[in-house]
Amino acid sequence: MSNITYAVGDKVTILDVNKQGEVTEVSEDGTQITVKYTDDAGVEATETGTADKFAPAGEQSSEDTSSEGSTGSDEEGSEEKGE
């Protein structure tokens, strides 16, 4: 996952704490990013680290999963009605 490049404003998940946040800074060489998020107590916090400590926010994955699920169900339903 080290091939993923983040930019300021990107939504990410902080893997260590399983919280979503927003990228606020990226180092000049792109190896370190800083993410702002809200902790369990409702306090604004930041986490800085290498890209492998973060993952793209779940919104993108959800769209992919929804599309696949709908297509599979529709095809199966059509086959059953035709028989």
PDB file of N, CA and C in Angstrom:
ATOM      1  N   MET A   1       0.815  -1.210   0.000  1.00  0.00           N
ATOM      2  CA  MET A   1       0.000   0.000   0.000  1.00  0.00           C
ATOM      3  C   MET A   1       0.849   1.260   0.000  1.00  0.00           C
ATOM      4  N   SER A   2       2.128   1.117   0.028  1.00  0.00           N
ATOM      5  CA  SER A   2       2.990   2.287   0.067  1.00  0.00           C
ATOM      6  C   SER A   2       2.949   3.071  -1.239  1.00  0.00           C
ATOM      7  N   ASN A   3       2.326   2.521  -2.296  1.00  0.00           N
ATOM      8  CA  ASN A   3       2.218   3.220  -3.568  1.00  0.00           C
ATOM      9  C   ASN A   3       1.120   4.275  -3.563  1.00  0.00           C
ATOM     10  N   ILE A   4       0.272   4.282  -2.543  1.00  0.00           N
ATOM     11  CA  ILE A   4      -0.810   5.251  -2.453  1.00  0.00           C
ATOM     12  C   ILE A   4      -0.238   6.615  -2.105  1.00  0.00           C
ATOM     13  N   THR A   5      -0.664   7.627  -2.843  1.00  0.00           N
ATOM     14  CA  THR A   5      -0.230   8.994  -2.594  1.00  0.00           C
ATOM     15  C   THR A   5      -1.426   9.795  -2.093  1.00  0.00           C
ATOM     16  N   TYR A   6      -1.232  10.516  -1.003  1.00  0.00           N
ATOM     17  CA  TYR A   6      -2.303  11.325  -0.434  1.00  0.00           C
ATOM     18  C   TYR A   6      -2.026  12.801  -0.671  1.00  0.00           C
ATOM     19  N   ALA A   7      -3.105  13.578  -0.744  1.00  0.00           N
ATOM     20  CA  ALA A   7      -3.006  15.023  -0.909  1.00  0.00           C
ATOM     21  C   ALA A   7      -3.815  15.691   0.195  1.00  0.00           C
ATOM     22  N   VAL A   8      -3.484  16.947   0.484  1.00  0.00           N
ATOM     23  CA  VAL A   8      -4.224  17.708   1.490  1.00  0.00           C
ATOM     24  C   VAL A   8      -5.702  17.717   1.101  1.00  0.00           C
ATOM     25  N   GLY A   9      -6.561  17.404   2.069  1.00  0.00           N
ATOM     26  CA  GLY A   9      -7.997  17.370   1.839  1.00  0.00           C
ATOM     27  C   GLY A   9      -8.549  15.972   1.630  1.00  0.00           C
ATOM     28  N   ASP A  10      -7.674  14.997   1.353  1.00  0.00           N
ATOM     29  CA  ASP A  10      -8.126  13.615   1.181  1.00  0.00           C
ATOM     30  C   ASP A  10      -8.702  13.078   2.482  1.00  0.00           C
ATOM     31  N   LYS A  11      -9.748  12.283   2.390  1.00  0.00           N
ATOM     32  CA  LYS A  11     -10.331  11.604   3.552  1.00  0.00           C
ATOM     33  C   LYS A  11      -9.645  10.249   3.686  1.00  0.00           C
ATOM     34  N   VAL A  12      -9.198   9.931   4.883  1.00  0.00           N
ATOM     35  CA  VAL A  12      -8.502   8.675   5.135  1.00  0.00           C
ATOM     36  C   VAL A  12      -8.980   8.051   6.435  1.00  0.00           C
ATOM     37  N   THR A  13      -8.659   6.766   6.607  1.00  0.00           N
ATOM     38  CA  THR A  13      -8.894   6.076   7.864  1.00  0.00           C
ATOM     39  C   THR A  13      -7.551   5.861   8.535  1.00  0.00           C
ATOM     40  N   ILE A  14      -7.447   6.215   9.814  1.00  0.00           N
ATOM     41  CA  ILE A  14      -6.233   5.992  10.589  1.00  0.00           C
ATOM     42  C   ILE A  14      -6.343   4.567  11.121  1.00  0.00           C
ATOM     43  N   LEU A  15      -5.507   3.684  10.622  1.00  0.00           N
ATOM     44  CA  LEU A  15      -5.634   2.266  10.933  1.00  0.00           C
ATOM     45  C   LEU A  15      -5.447   1.949  12.408  1.00  0.00           C
ATOM     46  N   ASP A  16      -4.506   2.602  13.097  1.00  0.00           N
ATOM     47  CA  ASP A  16      -4.236   2.312  14.510  1.00  0.00           C
ATOM     48  C   ASP A  16      -5.444   2.546  15.414  1.00  0.00           C
ATOM     49  N   VAL A  17      -6.226   3.575  15.127  1.00  0.00           N
ATOM     50  CA  VAL A  17      -7.355   3.925  15.986  1.00  0.00           C
ATOM     51  C   VAL A  17      -8.711   3.731  15.295  1.00  0.00           C
ATOM     52  N   ASN A  18      -8.686   3.292  14.036  1.00  0.00           N
ATOM     53  CA  ASN A  18      -9.889   3.058  13.251  1.00  0.00           C
ATOM     54  C   ASN A  18     -10.812   4.279  13.242  1.00  0.00           C
ATOM     55  N   LYS A  19     -10.230   5.435  12.951  1.00  0.00           N
ATOM     56  CA  LYS A  19     -10.977   6.684  12.879  1.00  0.00           C
ATOM     57  C   LYS A  19     -10.756   7.316  11.516  1.00  0.00           C
ATOM     58  N   GLN A  20     -11.793   7.988  11.007  1.00  0.00           N
ATOM     59  CA  GLN A  20     -11.644   8.715   9.756  1.00  0.00           C
ATOM     60  C   GLN A  20     -11.229  10.140  10.036  1.00  0.00           C
ATOM     61  N   GLY A  21     -10.391  10.669   9.150  1.00  0.00           N
ATOM     62  CA  GLY A  21      -9.936  12.037   9.286  1.00  0.00           C
ATOM     63  C   GLY A  21      -9.617  12.627   7.933  1.00  0.00           C
ATOM     64  N   GLU A  22      -9.027  13.813   7.966  1.00  0.00           N
ATOM     65  CA  GLU A  22      -8.690  14.535   6.743  1.00  0.00           C
ATOM     66  C   GLU A  22      -7.212  14.885   6.745  1.00  0.00           C
ATOM     67  N   VAL A  23      -6.559  14.660   5.612  1.00  0.00           N
ATOM     68  CA  VAL A  23      -5.143  14.985   5.470  1.00  0.00           C
ATOM     69  C   VAL A  23      -4.996  16.509   5.520  1.00  0.00           C
ATOM     70  N   THR A  24      -4.144  16.989   6.445  1.00  0.00           N
ATOM     71  CA  THR A  24      -3.927  18.431   6.573  1.00  0.00           C
ATOM     72  C   THR A  24      -2.542  18.856   6.096  1.00  0.00           C
ATOM     73  N   GLU A  25      -1.591  17.908   6.087  1.00  0.00           N
ATOM     74  CA  GLU A  25      -0.235  18.217   5.629  1.00  0.00           C
ATOM     75  C   GLU A  25       0.387  16.995   4.967  1.00  0.00           C
ATOM     76  N   VAL A  26       1.233  17.254   3.961  1.00  0.00           N
ATOM     77  CA  VAL A  26       2.023  16.206   3.323  1.00  0.00           C
ATOM     78  C   VAL A  26       3.450  16.733   3.244  1.00  0.00           C
ATOM     79  N   SER A  27       4.429  15.911   3.674  1.00  0.00           N
ATOM     80  CA  SER A  27       5.821  16.353   3.634  1.00  0.00           C
ATOM     81  C   SER A  27       6.252  16.575   2.182  1.00  0.00           C
ATOM     82  N   GLU A  28       7.313  17.367   1.996  1.00  0.00           N
ATOM     83  CA  GLU A  28       7.790  17.677   0.649  1.00  0.00           C
ATOM     84  C   GLU A  28       8.117  16.428  -0.151  1.00  0.00           C
ATOM     85  N   ASP A  29       8.685  15.421   0.502  1.00  0.00           N
ATOM     86  CA  ASP A  29       9.037  14.201  -0.219  1.00  0.00           C
ATOM     87  C   ASP A  29       7.879  13.205  -0.270  1.00  0.00           C
ATOM     88  N   GLY A  30       6.744  13.537   0.351  1.00  0.00           N
ATOM     89  CA  GLY A  30       5.550  12.711   0.288  1.00  0.00           C
ATOM     90  C   GLY A  30       5.560  11.486   1.186  1.00  0.00           C
ATOM     91  N   THR A  31       6.556  11.355   2.056  1.00  0.00           N
ATOM     92  CA  THR A  31       6.653  10.153   2.888  1.00  0.00           C
ATOM     93  C   THR A  31       5.885  10.261   4.201  1.00  0.00           C
ATOM     94  N   GLN A  32       5.605  11.467   4.664  1.00  0.00           N
ATOM     95  CA  GLN A  32       4.888  11.674   5.932  1.00  0.00           C
ATOM     96  C   GLN A  32       3.628  12.495   5.677  1.00  0.00           C
ATOM     97  N   ILE A  33       2.523  12.066   6.299  1.00  0.00           N
ATOM     98  CA  ILE A  33       1.299  12.856   6.217  1.00  0.00           C
ATOM     99  C   ILE A  33       0.757  13.098   7.620  1.00  0.00           C
ATOM    100  N   THR A  34       0.046  14.208   7.766  1.00  0.00           N
ATOM    101  CA  THR A  34      -0.600  14.543   9.029  1.00  0.00           C
ATOM    102  C   THR A  34      -2.099  14.561   8.784  1.00  0.00           C
ATOM    103  N   VAL A  35      -2.832  13.895   9.679  1.00  0.00           N
ATOM    104  CA  VAL A  35      -4.282  13.767   9.548  1.00  0.00           C
ATOM    105  C   VAL A  35      -4.952  14.326  10.796  1.00  0.00           C
ATOM    106  N   LYS A  36      -5.985  15.136  10.593  1.00  0.00           N
ATOM    107  CA  LYS A  36      -6.775  15.685  11.695  1.00  0.00           C
ATOM    108  C   LYS A  36      -8.040  14.846  11.821  1.00  0.00           C
ATOM    109  N   TYR A  37      -8.380  14.466  13.069  1.00  0.00           N
ATOM    110  CA  TYR A  37      -9.576  13.662  13.321  1.00  0.00           C
ATOM    111  C   TYR A  37     -10.128  14.004  14.691  1.00  0.00           C
ATOM    112  N   THR A  38     -11.303  13.478  15.016  1.00  0.00           N
ATOM    113  CA  THR A  38     -11.920  13.678  16.325  1.00  0.00           C
ATOM    114  C   THR A  38     -11.853  12.357  17.079  1.00  0.00           C
ATOM    115  N   ASP A  39     -11.275  12.372  18.279  1.00  0.00           N
ATOM    116  CA  ASP A  39     -11.128  11.138  19.060  1.00  0.00           C
ATOM    117  C   ASP A  39     -12.444  10.771  19.757  1.00  0.00           C
ATOM    118  N   ASP A  40     -12.432   9.660  20.502  1.00  0.00           N
ATOM    119  CA  ASP A  40     -13.641   9.167  21.157  1.00  0.00           C
ATOM    120  C   ASP A  40     -14.233  10.149  22.160  1.00  0.00           C
ATOM    121  N   ALA A  41     -13.392  11.002  22.731  1.00  0.00           N
ATOM    122  CA  ALA A  41     -13.865  11.986  23.710  1.00  0.00           C
ATOM    123  C   ALA A  41     -14.390  13.257  23.039  1.00  0.00           C
ATOM    124  N   GLY A  42     -14.371  13.297  21.691  1.00  0.00           N
ATOM    125  CA  GLY A  42     -14.852  14.469  20.975  1.00  0.00           C
ATOM    126  C   GLY A  42     -13.818  15.570  20.858  1.00  0.00           C
ATOM    127  N   VAL A  43     -12.559  15.237  21.149  1.00  0.00           N
ATOM    128  CA  VAL A  43     -11.478  16.213  21.090  1.00  0.00           C
ATOM    129  C   VAL A  43     -10.768  16.098  19.746  1.00  0.00           C
ATOM    130  N   GLU A  44     -10.482  17.252  19.136  1.00  0.00           N
ATOM    131  CA  GLU A  44      -9.758  17.250  17.869  1.00  0.00           C
ATOM    132  C   GLU A  44      -8.324  16.809  18.106  1.00  0.00           C
ATOM    133  N   ALA A  45      -7.838  15.873  17.297  1.00  0.00           N
ATOM    134  CA  ALA A  45      -6.489  15.340  17.450  1.00  0.00           C
ATOM    135  C   ALA A  45      -5.834  15.222  16.082  1.00  0.00           C
ATOM    136  N   THR A  46      -4.510  15.025  16.076  1.00  0.00           N
ATOM    137  CA  THR A  46      -3.790  14.809  14.824  1.00  0.00           C
ATOM    138  C   THR A  46      -2.921  13.575  14.948  1.00  0.00           C
ATOM    139  N   GLU A  47      -2.682  12.941  13.821  1.00  0.00           N
ATOM    140  CA  GLU A  47      -1.816  11.767  13.742  1.00  0.00           C
ATOM    141  C   GLU A  47      -0.886  11.991  12.559  1.00  0.00           C
ATOM    142  N   THR A  48       0.409  11.803  12.782  1.00  0.00           N
ATOM    143  CA  THR A  48       1.390  11.951  11.712  1.00  0.00           C
ATOM    144  C   THR A  48       2.112  10.628  11.532  1.00  0.00           C
ATOM    145  N   GLY A  49       2.305  10.244  10.285  1.00  0.00           N
ATOM    146  CA  GLY A  49       3.018   9.004  10.031  1.00  0.00           C
ATOM    147  C   GLY A  49       3.194   8.744   8.557  1.00  0.00           C
ATOM    148  N   THR A  50       3.740   7.563   8.262  1.00  0.00           N
ATOM    149  CA  THR A  50       3.928   7.166   6.876  1.00  0.00           C
ATOM    150  C   THR A  50       2.611   6.662   6.300  1.00  0.00           C
ATOM    151  N   ALA A  51       2.535   6.573   4.994  1.00  0.00           N
ATOM    152  CA  ALA A  51       1.293   6.222   4.310  1.00  0.00           C
ATOM    153  C   ALA A  51       0.739   4.865   4.732  1.00  0.00           C
ATOM    154  N   ASP A  52       1.592   3.950   5.187  1.00  0.00           N
ATOM    155  CA  ASP A  52       1.099   2.625   5.559  1.00  0.00           C
ATOM    156  C   ASP A  52       0.283   2.629   6.852  1.00  0.00           C
ATOM    157  N   LYS A  53       0.255   3.746   7.579  1.00  0.00           N
ATOM    158  CA  LYS A  53      -0.564   3.861   8.792  1.00  0.00           C
ATOM    159  C   LYS A  53      -1.984   4.314   8.463  1.00  0.00           C
ATOM    160  N   PHE A  54      -2.241   4.614   7.176  1.00  0.00           N
ATOM    161  CA  PHE A  54      -3.522   5.167   6.752  1.00  0.00           C
ATOM    162  C   PHE A  54      -4.072   4.379   5.565  1.00  0.00           C
ATOM    163  N   ALA A  55      -5.375   4.465   5.381  1.00  0.00           N
ATOM    164  CA  ALA A  55      -6.030   3.858   4.227  1.00  0.00           C
ATOM    165  C   ALA A  55      -7.048   4.852   3.686  1.00  0.00           C
ATOM    166  N   PRO A  56      -7.352   4.784   2.401  1.00  0.00           N
ATOM    167  CA  PRO A  56      -8.392   5.681   1.871  1.00  0.00           C
ATOM    168  C   PRO A  56      -9.691   5.477   2.648  1.00  0.00           C
ATOM    169  N   ALA A  57     -10.441   6.544   2.836  1.00  0.00           N
ATOM    170  CA  ALA A  57     -11.692   6.472   3.602  1.00  0.00           C
ATOM    171  C   ALA A  57     -12.649   5.480   2.969  1.00  0.00           C
ATOM    172  N   GLY A  58     -13.498   4.868   3.786  1.00  0.00           N
ATOM    173  CA  GLY A  58     -14.401   3.817   3.366  1.00  0.00           C
ATOM    174  C   GLY A  58     -15.431   4.197   2.318  1.00  0.00           C
ATOM    175  N   GLU A  59     -15.675   5.467   2.068  1.00  0.00           N
ATOM    176  CA  GLU A  59     -16.694   5.869   1.104  1.00  0.00           C
ATOM    177  C   GLU A  59     -16.431   5.260  -0.266  1.00  0.00           C
ATOM    178  N   GLN A  60     -15.193   5.243  -0.722  1.00  0.00           N
ATOM    179  CA  GLN A  60     -14.862   4.710  -2.035  1.00  0.00           C
ATOM    180  C   GLN A  60     -15.139   3.213  -2.092  1.00  0.00           C
ATOM    181  N   SER A  61     -14.786   2.469  -1.059  1.00  0.00           N
ATOM    182  CA  SER A  61     -15.001   1.032  -1.025  1.00  0.00           C
ATOM    183  C   SER A  61     -16.486   0.713  -1.033  1.00  0.00           C
ATOM    184  N   SER A  62     -17.292   1.490  -0.328  1.00  0.00           N
ATOM    185  CA  SER A  62     -18.720   1.227  -0.239  1.00  0.00           C
ATOM    186  C   SER A  62     -19.375   1.310  -1.609  1.00  0.00           C
ATOM    187  N   GLU A  63     -18.998   2.285  -2.418  1.00  0.00           N
ATOM    188  CA  GLU A  63     -19.572   2.431  -3.745  1.00  0.00           C
ATOM    189  C   GLU A  63     -19.246   1.201  -4.589  1.00  0.00           C
ATOM    190  N   ASP A  64     -18.020   0.739  -4.539  1.00  0.00           N
ATOM    191  CA  ASP A  64     -17.614  -0.434  -5.311  1.00  0.00           C
ATOM    192  C   ASP A  64     -18.415  -1.652  -4.888  1.00  0.00           C
ATOM    193  N   THR A  65     -18.584  -1.875  -3.609  1.00  0.00           N
ATOM    194  CA  THR A  65     -19.305  -3.031  -3.092  1.00  0.00           C
ATOM    195  C   THR A  65     -20.773  -2.978  -3.495  1.00  0.00           C
ATOM    196  N   SER A  66     -21.395  -1.810  -3.407  1.00  0.00           N
ATOM    197  CA  SER A  66     -22.802  -1.679  -3.752  1.00  0.00           C
ATOM    198  C   SER A  66     -23.041  -2.031  -5.208  1.00  0.00           C
ATOM    199  N   SER A  67     -22.191  -1.576  -6.095  1.00  0.00           N
ATOM    200  CA  SER A  67     -22.354  -1.845  -7.516  1.00  0.00           C
ATOM    201  C   SER A  67     -22.264  -3.329  -7.797  1.00  0.00           C
ATOM    202  N   GLU A  68     -21.292  -3.993  -7.210  1.00  0.00           N
ATOM    203  CA  GLU A  68     -21.110  -5.413  -7.445  1.00  0.00           C
ATOM    204  C   GLU A  68     -22.306  -6.197  -6.938  1.00  0.00           C
ATOM    205  N   GLY A  69     -22.814  -5.873  -5.770  1.00  0.00           N
ATOM    206  CA  GLY A  69     -23.928  -6.596  -5.182  1.00  0.00           C
ATOM    207  C   GLY A  69     -25.191  -6.464  -6.017  1.00  0.00           C
ATOM    208  N   SER A  70     -25.479  -5.288  -6.520  1.00  0.00           N
ATOM    209  CA  SER A  70     -26.684  -5.070  -7.309  1.00  0.00           C
ATOM    210  C   SER A  70     -26.630  -5.847  -8.610  1.00  0.00           C
ATOM    211  N   THR A  71     -25.499  -5.808  -9.273  1.00  0.00           N
ATOM    212  CA  THR A  71     -25.364  -6.480 -10.557  1.00  0.00           C
ATOM    213  C   THR A  71     -25.567  -7.978 -10.401  1.00  0.00           C
ATOM    214  N   GLY A  72     -24.942  -8.592  -9.400  1.00  0.00           N
ATOM    215  CA  GLY A  72     -25.067 -10.028  -9.181  1.00  0.00           C
ATOM    216  C   GLY A  72     -26.497 -10.432  -8.880  1.00  0.00           C
ATOM    217  N   SER A  73     -27.195  -9.691  -8.070  1.00  0.00           N
ATOM    218  CA  SER A  73     -28.569 -10.019  -7.699  1.00  0.00           C
ATOM    219  C   SER A  73     -29.500  -9.902  -8.898  1.00  0.00           C
ATOM    220  N   ASP A  74     -29.341  -8.865  -9.690  1.00  0.00           N
ATOM    221  CA  ASP A  74     -30.197  -8.662 -10.852  1.00  0.00           C
ATOM    222  C   ASP A  74     -30.052  -9.803 -11.849  1.00  0.00           C
ATOM    223  N   GLU A  75     -28.830 -10.229 -12.102  1.00  0.00           N
ATOM    224  CA  GLU A  75     -28.590 -11.300 -13.061  1.00  0.00           C
ATOM    225  C   GLU A  75     -29.213 -12.604 -12.579  1.00  0.00           C
ATOM    226  N   GLU A  76     -29.060 -12.936 -11.316  1.00  0.00           N
ATOM    227  CA  GLU A  76     -29.611 -14.175 -10.780  1.00  0.00           C
ATOM    228  C   GLU A  76     -31.135 -14.172 -10.864  1.00  0.00           C
ATOM    229  N   GLY A  77     -31.738 -13.045 -10.548  1.00  0.00           N
ATOM    230  CA  GLY A  77     -33.200 -12.938 -10.596  1.00  0.00           C
ATOM    231  C   GLY A  77     -33.720 -13.130 -11.999  1.00  0.00           C
ATOM    232  N   SER A  78     -33.052 -12.599 -13.013  1.00  0.00           N
ATOM    233  CA  SER A  78     -33.475 -12.718 -14.398  1.00  0.00           C
ATOM    234  C   SER A  78     -33.429 -14.160 -14.854  1.00  0.00           C
ATOM    235  N   GLU A  79     -32.380 -14.876 -14.463  1.00  0.00           N
ATOM    236  CA  GLU A  79     -32.237 -16.274 -14.874  1.00  0.00           C
ATOM    237  C   GLU A  79     -33.361 -17.132 -14.300  1.00  0.00           C
ATOM    238  N   GLU A  80     -33.718 -16.922 -13.057  1.00  0.00           N
ATOM    239  CA  GLU A  80     -34.745 -17.723 -12.417  1.00  0.00           C
ATOM    240  C   GLU A  80     -36.107 -17.496 -13.063  1.00  0.00           C
ATOM    241  N   LYS A  81     -36.434 -16.266 -13.437  1.00  0.00           N
ATOM    242  CA  LYS A  81     -37.715 -15.976 -14.051  1.00  0.00           C
ATOM    243  C   LYS A  81     -37.818 -16.598 -15.437  1.00  0.00           C
ATOM    244  N   GLY A  82     -36.700 -16.647 -16.163  1.00  0.00           N
ATOM    245  CA  GLY A  82     -36.692 -17.183 -17.520  1.00  0.00           C
ATOM    246  C   GLY A  82     -36.900 -18.680 -17.556  1.00  0.00           C
ATOM    247  N   GLU A  83     -36.569 -19.392 -16.498  1.00  0.00           N
ATOM    248  CA  GLU A  83     -36.665 -20.859 -16.525  1.00  0.00           C
ATOM    249  C   GLU A  83     -38.013 -21.363 -16.213  1.00  0.00           C
TER     250      GLU A  83
END
